[in-house]
């Protein structure tokens, strides 16, 4: 978190490197099982990467996939599907939906690519 404060001050909160730091912090919270906190950092990261790289860039798609995973861990399956679909539209055939999410969508008759 100290690194986050330093980067926010030195390079600014809209810099792609700051987004990477937020993504890394979210990974730590994810490993600790604090999925809500991980999601908070990922959503900040998403906004920065969308502005910096555009919404068709692979790094943006990776962020969407991470957000989907966070929602999945929180049991928010519809939100997880929403972000998975966004990721799929960018990645195309090189991306596969997580099996746990696919199973949920099949049980609830939701269309998943």
N, C-alpha and C. Protein backbone atom coordinates (compact mmCIF):
# COMPACT_ATOMS: atom_id res chain seq x y z
N UNK A 1 0.82 -1.19 0.00
CA UNK A 1 0.00 0.00 0.00
C UNK A 1 0.87 1.26 0.00
N UNK A 2 2.07 1.12 0.54
CA UNK A 2 2.99 2.25 0.51
C UNK A 2 3.36 2.59 -0.93
N UNK A 3 3.59 1.56 -1.73
CA UNK A 3 3.92 1.75 -3.14
C UNK A 3 2.77 2.48 -3.86
N UNK A 4 1.55 2.10 -3.54
CA UNK A 4 0.39 2.75 -4.16
C UNK A 4 0.40 4.25 -3.88
N UNK A 5 0.66 4.62 -2.63
CA UNK A 5 0.67 6.04 -2.27
C UNK A 5 1.80 6.78 -2.99
N UNK A 6 2.96 6.15 -3.07
CA UNK A 6 4.10 6.78 -3.73
C UNK A 6 3.80 6.99 -5.21
N UNK A 7 3.30 5.96 -5.87
CA UNK A 7 2.99 6.08 -7.30
C UNK A 7 1.88 7.09 -7.56
N UNK A 8 0.88 7.10 -6.71
CA UNK A 8 -0.21 8.07 -6.88
C UNK A 8 0.34 9.50 -6.85
N UNK A 9 1.33 9.71 -6.01
CA UNK A 9 1.92 11.04 -5.88
C UNK A 9 2.90 11.35 -7.02
N UNK A 10 3.70 10.37 -7.40
CA UNK A 10 4.77 10.64 -8.37
C UNK A 10 4.32 10.53 -9.83
N UNK A 11 3.56 9.49 -10.18
CA UNK A 11 3.17 9.33 -11.58
C UNK A 11 1.70 9.62 -11.82
N UNK A 12 0.93 9.68 -10.78
CA UNK A 12 -0.49 10.00 -10.90
C UNK A 12 -1.37 8.77 -10.98
N UNK A 13 -2.63 8.98 -10.63
CA UNK A 13 -3.58 7.87 -10.55
C UNK A 13 -4.19 7.48 -11.88
N UNK A 14 -3.74 8.08 -12.96
CA UNK A 14 -4.24 7.68 -14.28
C UNK A 14 -3.16 6.99 -15.11
N UNK A 15 -2.00 6.77 -14.53
CA UNK A 15 -0.87 6.15 -15.25
C UNK A 15 -1.04 4.63 -15.29
N UNK A 16 -0.73 4.01 -16.43
CA UNK A 16 -0.84 2.55 -16.54
C UNK A 16 -0.03 1.78 -15.48
N UNK A 17 1.11 2.30 -15.08
CA UNK A 17 1.89 1.63 -14.04
C UNK A 17 1.17 1.63 -12.70
N UNK A 18 0.44 2.68 -12.44
CA UNK A 18 -0.37 2.74 -11.23
C UNK A 18 -1.45 1.67 -11.28
N UNK A 19 -2.05 1.47 -12.46
CA UNK A 19 -3.05 0.42 -12.63
C UNK A 19 -2.45 -0.96 -12.35
N UNK A 20 -1.22 -1.18 -12.79
CA UNK A 20 -0.55 -2.45 -12.52
C UNK A 20 -0.36 -2.66 -11.03
N UNK A 21 0.00 -1.60 -10.33
CA UNK A 21 0.14 -1.69 -8.88
C UNK A 21 -1.19 -2.05 -8.22
N UNK A 22 -2.26 -1.42 -8.68
CA UNK A 22 -3.59 -1.75 -8.14
C UNK A 22 -3.94 -3.21 -8.39
N UNK A 23 -3.62 -3.68 -9.60
CA UNK A 23 -3.87 -5.08 -9.94
C UNK A 23 -3.08 -6.01 -9.01
N UNK A 24 -1.82 -5.66 -8.75
CA UNK A 24 -0.99 -6.48 -7.87
C UNK A 24 -1.52 -6.49 -6.44
N UNK A 25 -1.98 -5.34 -5.97
CA UNK A 25 -2.56 -5.27 -4.63
C UNK A 25 -3.81 -6.13 -4.56
N UNK A 26 -4.60 -6.09 -5.62
CA UNK A 26 -5.81 -6.92 -5.64
C UNK A 26 -5.46 -8.41 -5.55
N UNK A 27 -4.35 -8.80 -6.15
CA UNK A 27 -3.91 -10.20 -6.09
C UNK A 27 -3.59 -10.62 -4.66
N UNK A 28 -3.00 -9.71 -3.91
CA UNK A 28 -2.68 -10.01 -2.50
C UNK A 28 -3.97 -10.20 -1.71
N UNK A 29 -4.92 -9.28 -1.90
CA UNK A 29 -6.20 -9.42 -1.20
C UNK A 29 -6.92 -10.70 -1.62
N UNK A 30 -6.83 -11.03 -2.89
CA UNK A 30 -7.44 -12.27 -3.37
C UNK A 30 -6.83 -13.48 -2.67
N UNK A 31 -5.51 -13.51 -2.57
CA UNK A 31 -4.83 -14.64 -1.90
C UNK A 31 -5.21 -14.73 -0.43
N UNK A 32 -5.52 -13.59 0.18
CA UNK A 32 -5.92 -13.57 1.58
C UNK A 32 -7.40 -13.91 1.75
N UNK A 33 -8.11 -14.05 0.63
CA UNK A 33 -9.53 -14.37 0.68
C UNK A 33 -10.43 -13.17 0.87
N UNK A 34 -9.87 -11.96 0.78
CA UNK A 34 -10.66 -10.74 0.89
C UNK A 34 -11.07 -10.30 -0.51
N UNK A 35 -12.06 -11.01 -1.07
CA UNK A 35 -12.45 -10.81 -2.46
C UNK A 35 -13.11 -9.46 -2.70
N UNK A 36 -13.81 -8.95 -1.70
CA UNK A 36 -14.43 -7.63 -1.85
C UNK A 36 -13.36 -6.54 -2.00
N UNK A 37 -12.32 -6.63 -1.20
CA UNK A 37 -11.24 -5.65 -1.29
C UNK A 37 -10.48 -5.82 -2.60
N UNK A 38 -10.27 -7.06 -3.01
CA UNK A 38 -9.62 -7.32 -4.30
C UNK A 38 -10.43 -6.70 -5.43
N UNK A 39 -11.74 -6.87 -5.38
CA UNK A 39 -12.61 -6.31 -6.41
C UNK A 39 -12.53 -4.79 -6.43
N UNK A 40 -12.48 -4.19 -5.27
CA UNK A 40 -12.38 -2.72 -5.18
C UNK A 40 -11.16 -2.22 -5.97
N UNK A 41 -10.03 -2.87 -5.79
CA UNK A 41 -8.81 -2.46 -6.48
C UNK A 41 -8.89 -2.77 -7.98
N UNK A 42 -9.52 -3.89 -8.31
CA UNK A 42 -9.64 -4.25 -9.73
C UNK A 42 -10.53 -3.28 -10.49
N UNK A 43 -11.58 -2.81 -9.86
CA UNK A 43 -12.46 -1.85 -10.53
C UNK A 43 -11.76 -0.52 -10.77
N UNK A 44 -10.91 -0.11 -9.85
CA UNK A 44 -10.09 1.08 -10.07
C UNK A 44 -9.12 0.85 -11.24
N UNK A 45 -8.51 -0.32 -11.24
CA UNK A 45 -7.58 -0.70 -12.28
C UNK A 45 -8.27 -0.70 -13.64
N UNK A 46 -9.48 -1.22 -13.69
CA UNK A 46 -10.23 -1.28 -14.95
C UNK A 46 -10.44 0.11 -15.55
N UNK A 47 -10.84 1.05 -14.73
CA UNK A 47 -11.09 2.41 -15.23
C UNK A 47 -9.83 3.02 -15.84
N UNK A 48 -8.71 2.82 -15.17
CA UNK A 48 -7.45 3.37 -15.66
C UNK A 48 -7.04 2.70 -16.96
N UNK A 49 -7.11 1.37 -16.99
CA UNK A 49 -6.69 0.65 -18.20
C UNK A 49 -7.61 0.93 -19.38
N UNK A 50 -8.89 1.12 -19.14
CA UNK A 50 -9.80 1.47 -20.23
C UNK A 50 -9.39 2.81 -20.84
N UNK A 51 -9.08 3.76 -19.98
CA UNK A 51 -8.68 5.08 -20.47
C UNK A 51 -7.30 5.07 -21.12
N UNK A 52 -6.39 4.31 -20.55
CA UNK A 52 -5.00 4.31 -21.04
C UNK A 52 -4.81 3.45 -22.29
N UNK A 53 -5.48 2.31 -22.34
CA UNK A 53 -5.23 1.35 -23.43
C UNK A 53 -6.41 1.19 -24.38
N UNK A 54 -7.58 1.57 -23.96
CA UNK A 54 -8.78 1.35 -24.75
C UNK A 54 -9.45 0.03 -24.36
N UNK A 55 -10.71 -0.09 -24.73
CA UNK A 55 -11.50 -1.24 -24.31
C UNK A 55 -11.42 -2.43 -25.26
N UNK A 56 -10.42 -2.43 -26.13
CA UNK A 56 -10.20 -3.59 -27.00
C UNK A 56 -8.80 -4.17 -26.80
N UNK A 57 -8.05 -3.62 -25.86
CA UNK A 57 -6.67 -4.05 -25.63
C UNK A 57 -6.64 -5.32 -24.77
N UNK A 58 -5.72 -6.24 -25.06
CA UNK A 58 -5.62 -7.48 -24.27
C UNK A 58 -5.41 -7.26 -22.76
N UNK A 59 -4.68 -6.23 -22.39
CA UNK A 59 -4.47 -6.00 -20.95
C UNK A 59 -5.78 -5.58 -20.27
N UNK A 60 -6.62 -4.87 -21.02
CA UNK A 60 -7.94 -4.52 -20.50
C UNK A 60 -8.78 -5.79 -20.35
N UNK A 61 -8.71 -6.67 -21.34
CA UNK A 61 -9.44 -7.94 -21.27
C UNK A 61 -8.99 -8.77 -20.07
N UNK A 62 -7.70 -8.77 -19.81
CA UNK A 62 -7.16 -9.49 -18.66
C UNK A 62 -7.75 -8.94 -17.35
N UNK A 63 -7.89 -7.64 -17.28
CA UNK A 63 -8.48 -7.01 -16.11
C UNK A 63 -9.95 -7.44 -15.96
N UNK A 64 -10.67 -7.47 -17.06
CA UNK A 64 -12.07 -7.91 -17.02
C UNK A 64 -12.16 -9.35 -16.52
N UNK A 65 -11.24 -10.18 -16.97
CA UNK A 65 -11.21 -11.57 -16.52
C UNK A 65 -10.95 -11.65 -15.01
N UNK A 66 -10.04 -10.82 -14.51
CA UNK A 66 -9.76 -10.79 -13.07
C UNK A 66 -10.99 -10.34 -12.29
N UNK A 67 -11.70 -9.35 -12.82
CA UNK A 67 -12.92 -8.87 -12.17
C UNK A 67 -13.97 -9.98 -12.14
N UNK A 68 -14.09 -10.68 -13.26
CA UNK A 68 -15.03 -11.81 -13.31
C UNK A 68 -14.69 -12.84 -12.25
N UNK A 69 -13.42 -13.14 -12.09
CA UNK A 69 -12.99 -14.12 -11.08
C UNK A 69 -13.32 -13.64 -9.67
N UNK A 70 -13.14 -12.34 -9.43
CA UNK A 70 -13.46 -11.80 -8.11
C UNK A 70 -14.95 -11.93 -7.82
N UNK A 71 -15.78 -11.58 -8.81
CA UNK A 71 -17.22 -11.74 -8.62
C UNK A 71 -17.59 -13.20 -8.42
N UNK A 72 -16.94 -14.08 -9.14
CA UNK A 72 -17.18 -15.52 -8.99
C UNK A 72 -16.86 -15.97 -7.56
N UNK A 73 -15.73 -15.49 -7.03
CA UNK A 73 -15.34 -15.84 -5.66
C UNK A 73 -16.32 -15.29 -4.63
N UNK A 74 -16.95 -14.18 -4.96
CA UNK A 74 -17.95 -13.58 -4.06
C UNK A 74 -19.32 -14.23 -4.22
N UNK A 75 -19.45 -15.14 -5.19
CA UNK A 75 -20.74 -15.78 -5.43
C UNK A 75 -21.71 -14.94 -6.22
N UNK A 76 -21.21 -13.87 -6.84
CA UNK A 76 -22.05 -13.00 -7.66
C UNK A 76 -21.93 -13.43 -9.12
N UNK A 77 -22.64 -14.52 -9.43
CA UNK A 77 -22.47 -15.19 -10.71
C UNK A 77 -22.91 -14.36 -11.91
N UNK A 78 -23.98 -13.61 -11.77
CA UNK A 78 -24.44 -12.80 -12.90
C UNK A 78 -23.42 -11.71 -13.24
N UNK A 79 -22.84 -11.09 -12.23
CA UNK A 79 -21.80 -10.08 -12.49
C UNK A 79 -20.57 -10.75 -13.08
N UNK A 80 -20.24 -11.94 -12.59
CA UNK A 80 -19.10 -12.67 -13.14
C UNK A 80 -19.33 -12.97 -14.62
N UNK A 81 -20.54 -13.39 -14.96
CA UNK A 81 -20.86 -13.66 -16.36
C UNK A 81 -20.77 -12.40 -17.21
N UNK A 82 -21.26 -11.30 -16.68
CA UNK A 82 -21.22 -10.03 -17.40
C UNK A 82 -19.78 -9.68 -17.80
N UNK A 83 -18.87 -9.77 -16.85
CA UNK A 83 -17.48 -9.43 -17.15
C UNK A 83 -16.79 -10.49 -18.00
N UNK A 84 -17.22 -11.74 -17.84
CA UNK A 84 -16.67 -12.80 -18.69
C UNK A 84 -17.06 -12.58 -20.14
N UNK A 85 -18.31 -12.17 -20.36
CA UNK A 85 -18.76 -11.89 -21.73
C UNK A 85 -17.99 -10.72 -22.34
N UNK A 86 -17.75 -9.69 -21.54
CA UNK A 86 -16.96 -8.55 -22.04
C UNK A 86 -15.57 -9.01 -22.44
N UNK A 87 -14.97 -9.83 -21.61
CA UNK A 87 -13.64 -10.35 -21.88
C UNK A 87 -13.65 -11.19 -23.16
N UNK A 88 -14.64 -12.04 -23.29
CA UNK A 88 -14.74 -12.91 -24.46
C UNK A 88 -14.86 -12.11 -25.75
N UNK A 89 -15.60 -11.01 -25.71
CA UNK A 89 -15.76 -10.18 -26.91
C UNK A 89 -14.42 -9.60 -27.36
N UNK A 90 -13.53 -9.36 -26.43
CA UNK A 90 -12.21 -8.82 -26.78
C UNK A 90 -11.27 -9.95 -27.20
N UNK A 91 -11.23 -11.01 -26.43
CA UNK A 91 -10.27 -12.09 -26.65
C UNK A 91 -10.69 -13.06 -27.75
N UNK A 92 -11.97 -13.17 -28.00
CA UNK A 92 -12.44 -14.09 -29.02
C UNK A 92 -12.16 -15.53 -28.66
N UNK A 93 -11.71 -16.30 -29.63
CA UNK A 93 -11.50 -17.73 -29.43
C UNK A 93 -10.32 -18.07 -28.54
N UNK A 94 -9.48 -17.11 -28.23
CA UNK A 94 -8.31 -17.40 -27.39
C UNK A 94 -8.67 -17.44 -25.91
N UNK A 95 -9.91 -17.18 -25.57
CA UNK A 95 -10.35 -17.12 -24.18
C UNK A 95 -11.38 -18.20 -23.92
N UNK A 96 -11.34 -18.78 -22.73
CA UNK A 96 -12.35 -19.77 -22.35
C UNK A 96 -12.95 -19.39 -21.01
N UNK A 97 -14.25 -19.59 -20.90
CA UNK A 97 -14.95 -19.25 -19.67
C UNK A 97 -14.58 -20.27 -18.59
N UNK A 98 -14.35 -19.83 -17.35
CA UNK A 98 -14.03 -20.76 -16.27
C UNK A 98 -15.13 -21.81 -16.11
N UNK A 99 -14.75 -23.06 -15.88
CA UNK A 99 -15.72 -24.16 -15.82
C UNK A 99 -16.77 -23.94 -14.73
N UNK A 100 -16.37 -23.39 -13.59
CA UNK A 100 -17.33 -23.16 -12.51
C UNK A 100 -18.42 -22.19 -12.95
N UNK A 101 -18.03 -21.17 -13.72
CA UNK A 101 -19.00 -20.20 -14.21
C UNK A 101 -19.85 -20.81 -15.32
N UNK A 102 -19.23 -21.62 -16.18
CA UNK A 102 -19.98 -22.31 -17.23
C UNK A 102 -21.03 -23.23 -16.61
N UNK A 103 -20.65 -23.96 -15.57
CA UNK A 103 -21.60 -24.85 -14.89
C UNK A 103 -22.78 -24.06 -14.33
N UNK A 104 -22.51 -22.92 -13.73
CA UNK A 104 -23.58 -22.07 -13.19
C UNK A 104 -24.51 -21.64 -14.30
N UNK A 105 -23.94 -21.18 -15.41
CA UNK A 105 -24.78 -20.67 -16.50
C UNK A 105 -25.64 -21.78 -17.09
N UNK A 106 -25.10 -23.00 -17.16
CA UNK A 106 -25.88 -24.12 -17.68
C UNK A 106 -27.02 -24.49 -16.73
N UNK A 107 -26.79 -24.43 -15.44
CA UNK A 107 -27.82 -24.74 -14.47
C UNK A 107 -28.93 -23.72 -14.47
N UNK A 108 -28.60 -22.48 -14.84
CA UNK A 108 -29.58 -21.40 -14.81
C UNK A 108 -30.00 -20.98 -16.21
N UNK A 109 -29.70 -21.78 -17.20
CA UNK A 109 -30.08 -21.57 -18.58
C UNK A 109 -29.70 -20.16 -19.07
N UNK A 110 -28.42 -19.87 -18.92
CA UNK A 110 -27.87 -18.60 -19.38
C UNK A 110 -26.96 -18.90 -20.54
N UNK A 111 -27.06 -18.13 -21.58
CA UNK A 111 -26.24 -18.35 -22.77
C UNK A 111 -24.81 -17.92 -22.51
N UNK A 112 -23.87 -18.86 -22.67
CA UNK A 112 -22.46 -18.59 -22.51
C UNK A 112 -21.76 -19.11 -23.75
N UNK A 113 -20.85 -18.33 -24.32
CA UNK A 113 -20.15 -18.79 -25.53
C UNK A 113 -19.31 -20.02 -25.28
